[in-house]
Amino acid sequence: MDFQTAVRTVLLDKYATFSGRARRSEFWWFFLFNIGVSAILNIIDRTIFGASMTTGLTNSVLGVIYSLAVLLPFIAVGARRLHDTGRSAWWLLLAFIPLIGGLILIFWYIQPSQDGRNEYGPNPIADG
């Protein structure tokens, strides 16, 4: 799956779809897209709104709006990625454990797909 297809799939076709499976490429291309858009919005926010006089932090109005807009699809693609490795989406709750939870999730996200069909559906690599 290429960059454009992955972003289109996550944002348009499966915006809030928690069922099924997602390839590694779908998850990681969308992750990269979010990093890029967030960086661009940070620059725009800093240019338009400047930094806070008291804290020195950027007033990130556009960044917050974007983050809220992609929160649901990011959770959904994460759930489908865990399904692809044969794990329940409930494992996403590990993200609430500081440091170790995120590291465990990253480790699972980089794992290859389970071969063949699993309880969450057919292998997305075999489907096309």
N, C-alpha and C. Protein backbone atom coordinates (compact mmCIF):
# COMPACT_ATOMS: atom_id res chain seq x y z
N MET A 1 0.86 -1.18 0.00
CA MET A 1 0.00 0.00 0.00
C MET A 1 0.90 1.24 0.00
N ASP A 2 0.59 2.16 -0.89
CA ASP A 2 1.41 3.37 -0.97
C ASP A 2 0.86 4.46 -0.03
N PHE A 3 1.61 5.56 0.06
CA PHE A 3 1.31 6.65 0.98
C PHE A 3 -0.10 7.20 0.76
N GLN A 4 -0.42 7.57 -0.47
CA GLN A 4 -1.73 8.17 -0.78
C GLN A 4 -2.88 7.23 -0.46
N THR A 5 -2.73 5.98 -0.84
CA THR A 5 -3.79 5.00 -0.61
C THR A 5 -4.01 4.80 0.89
N ALA A 6 -2.93 4.74 1.64
CA ALA A 6 -3.05 4.53 3.09
C ALA A 6 -3.78 5.70 3.75
N VAL A 7 -3.40 6.91 3.42
CA VAL A 7 -4.04 8.08 4.02
C VAL A 7 -5.50 8.17 3.60
N ARG A 8 -5.79 7.93 2.33
CA ARG A 8 -7.17 7.96 1.84
C ARG A 8 -8.00 6.88 2.54
N THR A 9 -7.45 5.70 2.69
CA THR A 9 -8.17 4.60 3.32
C THR A 9 -8.53 4.95 4.76
N VAL A 10 -7.55 5.46 5.51
CA VAL A 10 -7.79 5.75 6.92
C VAL A 10 -8.73 6.94 7.09
N LEU A 11 -8.52 8.01 6.34
CA LEU A 11 -9.31 9.23 6.55
C LEU A 11 -10.67 9.22 5.86
N LEU A 12 -10.80 8.54 4.74
CA LEU A 12 -12.06 8.58 4.02
C LEU A 12 -12.84 7.27 4.08
N ASP A 13 -12.19 6.17 3.75
CA ASP A 13 -12.91 4.90 3.65
C ASP A 13 -13.19 4.26 5.01
N LYS A 14 -12.27 4.38 5.95
CA LYS A 14 -12.41 3.70 7.24
C LYS A 14 -12.19 4.65 8.40
N TYR A 15 -12.80 5.83 8.35
CA TYR A 15 -12.58 6.89 9.34
C TYR A 15 -12.79 6.39 10.77
N ALA A 16 -13.86 5.68 11.02
CA ALA A 16 -14.16 5.18 12.36
C ALA A 16 -14.47 3.69 12.34
N THR A 17 -13.77 2.95 11.49
CA THR A 17 -13.98 1.51 11.38
C THR A 17 -12.98 0.79 12.28
N PHE A 18 -13.51 0.15 13.31
CA PHE A 18 -12.66 -0.55 14.26
C PHE A 18 -12.58 -2.04 13.98
N SER A 19 -13.38 -2.52 13.05
CA SER A 19 -13.37 -3.95 12.73
C SER A 19 -12.45 -4.19 11.54
N GLY A 20 -12.00 -5.41 11.42
CA GLY A 20 -11.12 -5.76 10.31
C GLY A 20 -9.65 -5.63 10.69
N ARG A 21 -8.82 -5.64 9.67
CA ARG A 21 -7.37 -5.63 9.87
C ARG A 21 -6.72 -4.54 9.02
N ALA A 22 -5.59 -4.05 9.48
CA ALA A 22 -4.85 -3.02 8.74
C ALA A 22 -3.40 -3.48 8.57
N ARG A 23 -2.90 -3.34 7.36
CA ARG A 23 -1.50 -3.68 7.08
C ARG A 23 -0.56 -2.76 7.85
N ARG A 24 0.68 -3.21 7.97
CA ARG A 24 1.71 -2.36 8.58
C ARG A 24 1.85 -1.07 7.80
N SER A 25 1.86 -1.17 6.46
CA SER A 25 2.07 0.02 5.64
C SER A 25 0.93 1.03 5.84
N GLU A 26 -0.29 0.56 5.98
CA GLU A 26 -1.43 1.47 6.19
C GLU A 26 -1.23 2.26 7.49
N PHE A 27 -0.88 1.57 8.55
CA PHE A 27 -0.68 2.22 9.84
C PHE A 27 0.49 3.19 9.80
N TRP A 28 1.65 2.74 9.33
CA TRP A 28 2.85 3.57 9.39
C TRP A 28 2.83 4.74 8.41
N TRP A 29 2.22 4.58 7.22
CA TRP A 29 2.09 5.72 6.31
C TRP A 29 1.18 6.78 6.93
N PHE A 30 0.11 6.35 7.58
CA PHE A 30 -0.77 7.31 8.23
C PHE A 30 -0.07 7.98 9.40
N PHE A 31 0.73 7.25 10.13
CA PHE A 31 1.53 7.81 11.23
C PHE A 31 2.47 8.88 10.69
N LEU A 32 3.17 8.58 9.59
CA LEU A 32 4.09 9.54 8.97
C LEU A 32 3.34 10.77 8.48
N PHE A 33 2.17 10.57 7.88
CA PHE A 33 1.34 11.68 7.43
C PHE A 33 1.00 12.61 8.59
N ASN A 34 0.64 12.04 9.74
CA ASN A 34 0.30 12.85 10.91
C ASN A 34 1.49 13.64 11.42
N ILE A 35 2.66 13.06 11.41
CA ILE A 35 3.86 13.78 11.84
C ILE A 35 4.11 14.97 10.91
N GLY A 36 4.00 14.74 9.61
CA GLY A 36 4.23 15.81 8.64
C GLY A 36 3.23 16.95 8.78
N VAL A 37 1.94 16.60 8.85
CA VAL A 37 0.91 17.63 8.97
C VAL A 37 1.06 18.38 10.29
N SER A 38 1.36 17.67 11.37
CA SER A 38 1.55 18.32 12.66
C SER A 38 2.72 19.30 12.64
N ALA A 39 3.80 18.92 11.98
CA ALA A 39 4.96 19.81 11.88
C ALA A 39 4.61 21.06 11.09
N ILE A 40 3.91 20.90 9.98
CA ILE A 40 3.51 22.05 9.17
C ILE A 40 2.57 22.96 9.95
N LEU A 41 1.59 22.36 10.65
CA LEU A 41 0.66 23.16 11.44
C LEU A 41 1.35 23.87 12.59
N ASN A 42 2.38 23.25 13.15
CA ASN A 42 3.15 23.88 14.22
C ASN A 42 3.84 25.14 13.70
N ILE A 43 4.41 25.06 12.51
CA ILE A 43 5.07 26.22 11.90
C ILE A 43 4.04 27.32 11.63
N ILE A 44 2.89 26.94 11.09
CA ILE A 44 1.84 27.93 10.81
C ILE A 44 1.33 28.56 12.11
N ASP A 45 1.10 27.73 13.12
CA ASP A 45 0.64 28.24 14.42
C ASP A 45 1.65 29.22 15.01
N ARG A 46 2.92 28.86 14.93
CA ARG A 46 3.96 29.73 15.49
C ARG A 46 4.04 31.05 14.72
N THR A 47 3.83 31.00 13.41
CA THR A 47 3.87 32.20 12.59
C THR A 47 2.66 33.10 12.86
N ILE A 48 1.48 32.50 12.94
CA ILE A 48 0.26 33.30 13.11
C ILE A 48 0.06 33.74 14.55
N PHE A 49 0.17 32.80 15.47
CA PHE A 49 -0.20 33.08 16.86
C PHE A 49 0.99 33.38 17.76
N GLY A 50 2.20 33.08 17.30
CA GLY A 50 3.38 33.35 18.11
C GLY A 50 3.48 32.44 19.32
N ALA A 51 4.41 32.77 20.19
CA ALA A 51 4.62 31.98 21.40
C ALA A 51 4.04 32.73 22.58
N SER A 52 3.66 32.01 23.59
CA SER A 52 3.14 32.60 24.81
C SER A 52 4.23 33.40 25.50
N MET A 53 3.89 34.57 25.98
CA MET A 53 4.87 35.41 26.66
C MET A 53 5.30 34.83 28.01
N THR A 54 4.42 34.09 28.65
CA THR A 54 4.73 33.57 29.98
C THR A 54 5.45 32.23 29.94
N THR A 55 5.04 31.33 29.05
CA THR A 55 5.63 29.99 29.02
C THR A 55 6.62 29.79 27.89
N GLY A 56 6.51 30.57 26.84
CA GLY A 56 7.38 30.39 25.68
C GLY A 56 6.89 29.30 24.74
N LEU A 57 5.79 28.65 25.08
CA LEU A 57 5.24 27.59 24.24
C LEU A 57 4.38 28.18 23.13
N THR A 58 4.28 27.44 22.03
CA THR A 58 3.47 27.88 20.91
C THR A 58 1.99 27.75 21.25
N ASN A 59 1.21 28.75 20.88
CA ASN A 59 -0.24 28.66 21.00
C ASN A 59 -0.74 27.88 19.79
N SER A 60 -0.93 26.59 19.92
CA SER A 60 -1.18 25.73 18.77
C SER A 60 -2.67 25.48 18.54
N VAL A 61 -3.34 26.49 18.05
CA VAL A 61 -4.78 26.40 17.78
C VAL A 61 -5.05 25.39 16.66
N LEU A 62 -4.37 25.56 15.53
CA LEU A 62 -4.59 24.66 14.39
C LEU A 62 -4.16 23.23 14.72
N GLY A 63 -3.08 23.09 15.47
CA GLY A 63 -2.60 21.76 15.85
C GLY A 63 -3.60 21.01 16.71
N VAL A 64 -4.23 21.72 17.62
CA VAL A 64 -5.24 21.09 18.49
C VAL A 64 -6.46 20.67 17.67
N ILE A 65 -6.90 21.55 16.78
CA ILE A 65 -8.05 21.22 15.93
C ILE A 65 -7.74 19.99 15.07
N TYR A 66 -6.53 19.96 14.47
CA TYR A 66 -6.15 18.80 13.64
C TYR A 66 -6.07 17.53 14.49
N SER A 67 -5.47 17.62 15.66
CA SER A 67 -5.34 16.45 16.53
C SER A 67 -6.70 15.87 16.90
N LEU A 68 -7.65 16.73 17.18
CA LEU A 68 -9.00 16.25 17.49
C LEU A 68 -9.66 15.62 16.28
N ALA A 69 -9.39 16.16 15.10
CA ALA A 69 -9.99 15.63 13.87
C ALA A 69 -9.46 14.23 13.53
N VAL A 70 -8.20 13.94 13.83
CA VAL A 70 -7.62 12.65 13.47
C VAL A 70 -7.52 11.68 14.64
N LEU A 71 -8.02 12.07 15.81
CA LEU A 71 -7.95 11.18 16.97
C LEU A 71 -8.71 9.88 16.72
N LEU A 72 -9.94 9.97 16.27
CA LEU A 72 -10.75 8.78 16.04
C LEU A 72 -10.17 7.87 14.94
N PRO A 73 -9.78 8.41 13.77
CA PRO A 73 -9.19 7.51 12.78
C PRO A 73 -7.86 6.92 13.22
N PHE A 74 -7.09 7.64 14.04
CA PHE A 74 -5.83 7.09 14.51
C PHE A 74 -6.06 5.94 15.48
N ILE A 75 -7.03 6.08 16.36
CA ILE A 75 -7.37 4.98 17.26
C ILE A 75 -7.91 3.80 16.46
N ALA A 76 -8.73 4.08 15.45
CA ALA A 76 -9.32 3.01 14.63
C ALA A 76 -8.25 2.24 13.87
N VAL A 77 -7.30 2.93 13.23
CA VAL A 77 -6.26 2.22 12.49
C VAL A 77 -5.34 1.47 13.45
N GLY A 78 -5.13 2.00 14.65
CA GLY A 78 -4.35 1.28 15.66
C GLY A 78 -5.04 -0.01 16.09
N ALA A 79 -6.36 0.07 16.25
CA ALA A 79 -7.13 -1.12 16.61
C ALA A 79 -7.07 -2.17 15.50
N ARG A 80 -7.23 -1.72 14.25
CA ARG A 80 -7.16 -2.66 13.12
C ARG A 80 -5.76 -3.24 12.98
N ARG A 81 -4.74 -2.46 13.29
CA ARG A 81 -3.36 -2.96 13.22
C ARG A 81 -3.14 -4.04 14.28
N LEU A 82 -3.67 -3.84 15.48
CA LEU A 82 -3.58 -4.87 16.52
C LEU A 82 -4.36 -6.12 16.10
N HIS A 83 -5.51 -5.93 15.47
CA HIS A 83 -6.27 -7.08 14.96
C HIS A 83 -5.43 -7.88 13.96
N ASP A 84 -4.68 -7.17 13.14
CA ASP A 84 -3.86 -7.83 12.13
C ASP A 84 -2.79 -8.71 12.76
N THR A 85 -2.36 -8.37 13.97
CA THR A 85 -1.36 -9.19 14.67
C THR A 85 -2.02 -10.21 15.60
N GLY A 86 -3.37 -10.28 15.56
CA GLY A 86 -4.09 -11.27 16.36
C GLY A 86 -4.40 -10.82 17.77
N ARG A 87 -4.34 -9.51 18.03
CA ARG A 87 -4.61 -9.00 19.37
C ARG A 87 -5.90 -8.18 19.37
N SER A 88 -6.52 -8.12 20.53
CA SER A 88 -7.73 -7.34 20.70
C SER A 88 -7.40 -5.85 20.72
N ALA A 89 -8.35 -5.03 20.30
CA ALA A 89 -8.16 -3.58 20.33
C ALA A 89 -8.11 -3.05 21.76
N TRP A 90 -8.57 -3.84 22.71
CA TRP A 90 -8.51 -3.42 24.11
C TRP A 90 -7.07 -3.21 24.57
N TRP A 91 -6.11 -3.80 23.87
CA TRP A 91 -4.70 -3.60 24.21
C TRP A 91 -4.27 -2.14 23.99
N LEU A 92 -5.05 -1.35 23.26
CA LEU A 92 -4.74 0.06 23.09
C LEU A 92 -4.71 0.80 24.43
N LEU A 93 -5.39 0.26 25.42
CA LEU A 93 -5.39 0.87 26.75
C LEU A 93 -3.99 0.88 27.38
N LEU A 94 -3.08 0.08 26.85
CA LEU A 94 -1.70 0.12 27.33
C LEU A 94 -1.07 1.50 27.16
N ALA A 95 -1.60 2.29 26.25
CA ALA A 95 -1.07 3.64 26.00
C ALA A 95 -1.17 4.51 27.26
N PHE A 96 -2.03 4.16 28.18
CA PHE A 96 -2.17 4.94 29.41
C PHE A 96 -1.10 4.61 30.45
N ILE A 97 -0.31 3.59 30.21
CA ILE A 97 0.82 3.28 31.09
C ILE A 97 2.02 4.06 30.57
N PRO A 98 2.53 4.98 31.36
CA PRO A 98 3.63 5.82 30.87
C PRO A 98 4.83 4.99 30.39
N LEU A 99 5.39 5.39 29.28
CA LEU A 99 6.56 4.84 28.62
C LEU A 99 6.42 3.38 28.20
N ILE A 100 6.27 2.47 29.14
CA ILE A 100 6.28 1.04 28.82
C ILE A 100 5.08 0.65 27.95
N GLY A 101 3.91 1.25 28.19
CA GLY A 101 2.73 0.94 27.39
C GLY A 101 2.92 1.30 25.94
N GLY A 102 3.44 2.49 25.68
CA GLY A 102 3.70 2.93 24.32
C GLY A 102 4.74 2.07 23.62
N LEU A 103 5.77 1.69 24.36
CA LEU A 103 6.81 0.84 23.77
C LEU A 103 6.27 -0.53 23.38
N ILE A 104 5.41 -1.09 24.21
CA ILE A 104 4.80 -2.38 23.90
C ILE A 104 3.94 -2.26 22.64
N LEU A 105 3.15 -1.20 22.56
CA LEU A 105 2.30 -1.01 21.38
C LEU A 105 3.13 -0.84 20.12
N ILE A 106 4.20 -0.06 20.18
CA ILE A 106 5.08 0.11 19.02
C ILE A 106 5.65 -1.24 18.59
N PHE A 107 6.07 -2.04 19.56
CA PHE A 107 6.61 -3.36 19.25
C PHE A 107 5.56 -4.20 18.51
N TRP A 108 4.32 -4.16 18.97
CA TRP A 108 3.26 -4.93 18.32
C TRP A 108 2.92 -4.36 16.94
N TYR A 109 2.96 -3.03 16.80
CA TYR A 109 2.65 -2.41 15.51
C TYR A 109 3.66 -2.80 14.43
N ILE A 110 4.90 -3.09 14.81
CA ILE A 110 5.90 -3.44 13.81
C ILE A 110 5.94 -4.93 13.50
N GLN A 111 5.15 -5.71 14.21
CA GLN A 111 5.10 -7.15 13.97
C GLN A 111 4.43 -7.45 12.63
N PRO A 112 4.84 -8.53 11.96
CA PRO A 112 4.18 -8.88 10.69
C PRO A 112 2.75 -9.37 10.92
N SER A 113 1.98 -9.36 9.86
CA SER A 113 0.59 -9.83 9.92
C SER A 113 0.55 -11.31 10.24
N GLN A 114 -0.54 -11.72 10.89
CA GLN A 114 -0.78 -13.14 11.07
C GLN A 114 -1.12 -13.73 9.72
N ASP A 115 -0.56 -14.87 9.42
CA ASP A 115 -0.84 -15.53 8.15
C ASP A 115 -2.29 -15.98 8.09
N GLY A 116 -2.86 -15.85 6.92
CA GLY A 116 -4.22 -16.33 6.70
C GLY A 116 -5.26 -15.53 7.46
N ARG A 117 -6.40 -16.15 7.62
CA ARG A 117 -7.52 -15.52 8.29
C ARG A 117 -7.36 -15.67 9.80
N ASN A 118 -7.73 -14.63 10.56
CA ASN A 118 -7.81 -14.78 12.01
C ASN A 118 -9.21 -14.36 12.45
N GLU A 119 -9.45 -14.25 13.74
CA GLU A 119 -10.80 -13.96 14.22
C GLU A 119 -11.30 -12.58 13.81
N TYR A 120 -10.42 -11.71 13.30
CA TYR A 120 -10.79 -10.35 12.93
C TYR A 120 -11.00 -10.19 11.43
N GLY A 121 -10.74 -11.23 10.67
CA GLY A 121 -10.98 -11.17 9.22
C GLY A 121 -9.84 -11.74 8.43
N PRO A 122 -9.95 -11.65 7.10
CA PRO A 122 -8.90 -12.18 6.22
C PRO A 122 -7.66 -11.30 6.24
N ASN A 123 -6.55 -11.87 5.86
CA ASN A 123 -5.29 -11.15 5.81
C ASN A 123 -5.37 -10.06 4.74
N PRO A 124 -5.13 -8.79 5.10
CA PRO A 124 -5.25 -7.72 4.10
C PRO A 124 -4.20 -7.78 3.01
N ILE A 125 -3.08 -8.41 3.26
CA ILE A 125 -2.05 -8.54 2.24
C ILE A 125 -2.51 -9.51 1.15
N ALA A 126 -3.18 -10.57 1.57
CA ALA A 126 -3.67 -11.56 0.60
C ALA A 126 -4.83 -10.99 -0.24
N ASP A 127 -5.54 -10.00 0.33
CA ASP A 127 -6.69 -9.42 -0.37
C ASP A 127 -6.29 -8.38 -1.40
N GLY A 128 -5.06 -7.95 -1.41
CA GLY A 128 -4.71 -6.98 -2.43
C GLY A 128 -3.80 -5.98 -1.91
